[in-house]
């Protein structure tokens, strides 16, 4: 597995740590479409979730990304996130945790697993976006070591709104 080098005094970003071994994280499969829709992507249509998971499984087969689900001990899917590897950088998207399970570390674990994949694939950086109307997400990404990069106005379904993109540099030569 690829390793990152840090100066002796440099703090390792939390996003680069391993997720807890007790956390059940696995690659998404097409058999997860309905459960991901019901548990975490409730604002989407069945067809849009199917297309999202098809893209994630195709990226995984091509070595250009991965979709990951988080499960409880009784194998209930309660979270999802996706990594896409572009030519210059990776992008984490569609990160969501079932509302009843938020604040328990699942979002952090999913991000850590996606970052692990990026490190293994020798990606130089990772970006993640969050609507400024979602301050919990922005705070989480900053706490994990992502730094503000740029702000755009995007239509996320209810008209244009400010979205901040944060970046984590993985190329530490």
Protein backbone atom coordinates (compact mmCIF):
# COMPACT_ATOMS: atom_id res chain seq x y z
CA UNK A 1 0.00 0.00 0.00
CA UNK A 2 1.19 3.53 -0.80
CA UNK A 3 2.44 5.56 2.15
CA UNK A 4 2.53 9.32 2.67
CA UNK A 5 5.53 10.99 4.24
CA UNK A 6 5.07 13.65 6.91
CA UNK A 7 7.64 15.88 8.54
CA UNK A 8 8.21 14.89 12.14
CA UNK A 9 6.29 17.94 13.41
CA UNK A 10 3.50 17.81 10.84
CA UNK A 11 0.12 16.67 12.09
CA UNK A 12 -1.46 13.87 10.05
CA UNK A 13 -4.92 14.97 8.82
CA UNK A 14 -7.72 12.83 10.29
CA UNK A 15 -8.90 12.00 6.76
CA UNK A 16 -5.67 10.03 6.27
CA UNK A 17 -6.20 7.78 9.26
CA UNK A 18 -7.69 4.32 8.90
CA UNK A 19 -11.40 4.06 9.65
CA UNK A 20 -12.16 2.11 12.82
CA UNK A 21 -11.90 -1.65 12.28
CA UNK A 22 -15.33 -2.01 13.88
CA UNK A 23 -16.89 0.09 11.12
CA UNK A 24 -18.36 -1.99 8.32
CA UNK A 25 -17.44 -0.33 5.00
CA UNK A 26 -17.61 -2.13 1.67
CA UNK A 27 -17.78 -1.37 -2.05
CA UNK A 28 -21.30 -0.70 -3.27
CA UNK A 29 -22.99 -3.23 -5.57
CA UNK A 30 -26.00 -2.92 -7.82
CA UNK A 31 -27.99 -5.00 -5.34
CA UNK A 32 -27.74 -1.98 -2.97
CA UNK A 33 -29.82 0.38 -5.15
CA UNK A 34 -33.13 0.14 -3.28
CA UNK A 35 -31.64 0.08 0.21
CA UNK A 36 -29.39 3.10 -0.52
CA UNK A 37 -32.44 4.94 -1.84
CA UNK A 38 -34.55 4.08 1.24
CA UNK A 39 -31.87 4.66 3.85
CA UNK A 40 -29.74 7.58 2.70
CA UNK A 41 -30.64 9.09 -0.66
CA UNK A 42 -34.31 9.54 0.13
CA UNK A 43 -34.61 12.78 -1.85
CA UNK A 44 -33.68 11.04 -5.13
CA UNK A 45 -35.53 8.84 -7.55
CA UNK A 46 -34.92 5.12 -7.95
CA UNK A 47 -33.58 5.70 -11.46
CA UNK A 48 -31.13 8.41 -10.34
CA UNK A 49 -29.76 6.15 -7.57
CA UNK A 50 -29.47 3.27 -10.04
CA UNK A 51 -27.47 5.51 -12.41
CA UNK A 52 -25.26 6.74 -9.55
CA UNK A 53 -24.44 3.19 -8.43
CA UNK A 54 -23.89 2.02 -12.02
CA UNK A 55 -21.35 4.82 -12.41
CA UNK A 56 -19.65 3.92 -9.12
CA UNK A 57 -19.37 0.22 -10.01
CA UNK A 58 -18.06 1.08 -13.49
CA UNK A 59 -15.42 3.42 -11.98
CA UNK A 60 -14.40 0.67 -9.55
CA UNK A 61 -14.01 -1.87 -12.38
CA UNK A 62 -11.87 0.65 -14.29
CA UNK A 63 -9.72 1.48 -11.25
CA UNK A 64 -10.88 5.11 -11.41
CA UNK A 65 -12.90 5.30 -8.21
CA UNK A 66 -15.21 3.53 -5.82
CA UNK A 67 -18.60 3.80 -4.18
CA UNK A 68 -18.68 2.75 -0.53
CA UNK A 69 -21.56 1.87 1.78
CA UNK A 70 -21.47 1.90 5.57
CA UNK A 71 -23.39 -0.80 7.40
CA UNK A 72 -24.46 -1.27 10.99
CA UNK A 73 -23.52 -4.47 12.84
CA UNK A 74 -26.80 -6.03 11.68
CA UNK A 75 -25.88 -5.15 8.05
CA UNK A 76 -28.30 -2.25 7.58
CA UNK A 77 -26.91 0.18 5.00
CA UNK A 78 -26.85 3.62 6.59
CA UNK A 79 -24.31 5.60 4.54
CA UNK A 80 -22.87 6.12 1.09
CA UNK A 81 -20.01 8.03 -0.51
CA UNK A 82 -18.23 7.99 -3.83
CA UNK A 83 -14.71 8.74 -5.06
CA UNK A 84 -14.06 9.65 -8.69
CA UNK A 85 -10.46 9.90 -9.82
CA UNK A 86 -9.97 12.60 -12.44
CA UNK A 87 -6.67 13.27 -14.20
CA UNK A 88 -5.40 15.89 -11.74
CA UNK A 89 -7.32 15.16 -8.58
CA UNK A 90 -9.89 12.90 -6.94
CA UNK A 91 -13.36 14.05 -5.94
CA UNK A 92 -15.54 12.77 -3.12
CA UNK A 93 -19.22 13.18 -3.87
CA UNK A 94 -22.68 12.03 -2.88
CA UNK A 95 -21.63 11.56 0.74
CA UNK A 96 -24.63 10.92 2.93
CA UNK A 97 -25.49 9.19 6.19
CA UNK A 98 -29.02 8.27 7.29
CA UNK A 99 -30.32 11.07 9.48
CA UNK A 100 -30.78 8.85 12.55
CA UNK A 101 -27.13 7.71 12.32
CA UNK A 102 -25.46 11.12 11.89
CA UNK A 103 -22.90 12.21 14.46
CA UNK A 104 -21.68 8.66 15.09
CA UNK A 105 -18.57 8.74 12.89
CA UNK A 106 -19.94 7.04 9.78
CA UNK A 107 -19.33 10.06 7.54
CA UNK A 108 -15.76 10.28 8.81
CA UNK A 109 -15.24 6.54 8.24
CA UNK A 110 -16.57 6.70 4.68
CA UNK A 111 -14.29 9.66 3.89
CA UNK A 112 -11.30 7.83 5.41
CA UNK A 113 -12.03 4.75 3.28
CA UNK A 114 -12.35 6.86 0.12
CA UNK A 115 -9.12 8.72 0.92
CA UNK A 116 -7.41 5.34 1.48
CA UNK A 117 -8.40 4.34 -2.05
CA UNK A 118 -7.04 7.62 -3.43
CA UNK A 119 -3.71 7.09 -1.63
CA UNK A 120 -3.49 3.52 -2.96
CA UNK A 121 -4.09 4.87 -6.49
CA UNK A 122 -1.42 7.56 -5.96
CA UNK A 123 -3.84 10.45 -6.42
CA UNK A 124 -2.21 13.83 -5.71
CA UNK A 125 -5.19 15.56 -4.10
CA UNK A 126 -8.85 15.13 -3.21
CA UNK A 127 -11.63 17.69 -3.35
CA UNK A 128 -15.01 17.64 -1.68
CA UNK A 129 -17.81 20.16 -2.00
CA UNK A 130 -20.45 21.28 0.47
CA UNK A 131 -23.26 23.78 0.26
CA UNK A 132 -22.66 26.65 2.67
CA UNK A 133 -26.20 25.97 3.86
CA UNK A 134 -24.80 22.71 5.33
CA UNK A 135 -22.40 24.01 8.02
CA UNK A 136 -22.09 20.56 9.68
CA UNK A 137 -20.59 19.12 6.48
CA UNK A 138 -18.22 22.07 6.02
CA UNK A 139 -17.07 21.75 9.65
CA UNK A 140 -16.54 17.99 9.29
CA UNK A 141 -14.42 18.36 6.16
CA UNK A 142 -12.28 21.05 7.78
CA UNK A 143 -11.87 18.95 10.94
CA UNK A 144 -10.67 16.04 8.76
CA UNK A 145 -7.93 18.22 7.23
CA UNK A 146 -9.50 19.57 4.05
CA UNK A 147 -8.73 23.24 3.36
CA UNK A 148 -10.96 25.80 1.63
CA UNK A 149 -10.07 26.00 -2.06
CA UNK A 150 -12.80 27.88 -3.95
CA UNK A 151 -16.47 28.82 -3.89
CA UNK A 152 -18.96 28.39 -6.73
CA UNK A 153 -22.66 28.96 -7.16
CA UNK A 154 -24.37 25.72 -8.19
CA UNK A 155 -27.95 24.59 -8.60
CA UNK A 156 -28.34 21.73 -6.13
CA UNK A 157 -32.05 21.41 -6.81
CA UNK A 158 -33.49 24.62 -5.39
CA UNK A 159 -31.75 27.25 -7.50
CA UNK A 160 -28.19 28.54 -7.35
CA UNK A 161 -26.52 28.52 -3.95
CA UNK A 162 -22.94 28.95 -2.73
CA UNK A 163 -20.91 25.73 -2.59
CA UNK A 164 -17.45 25.61 -1.09
CA UNK A 165 -14.89 23.16 -2.44
CA UNK A 166 -12.28 21.99 0.01
CA UNK A 167 -9.03 20.22 -0.86
CA UNK A 168 -6.69 17.74 0.78
CA UNK A 169 -3.22 17.46 -0.77
CA UNK A 170 -1.88 13.91 -0.81
CA UNK A 171 1.36 14.57 -2.73
CA UNK A 172 3.74 15.17 0.19
CA UNK A 173 7.17 14.81 -1.39
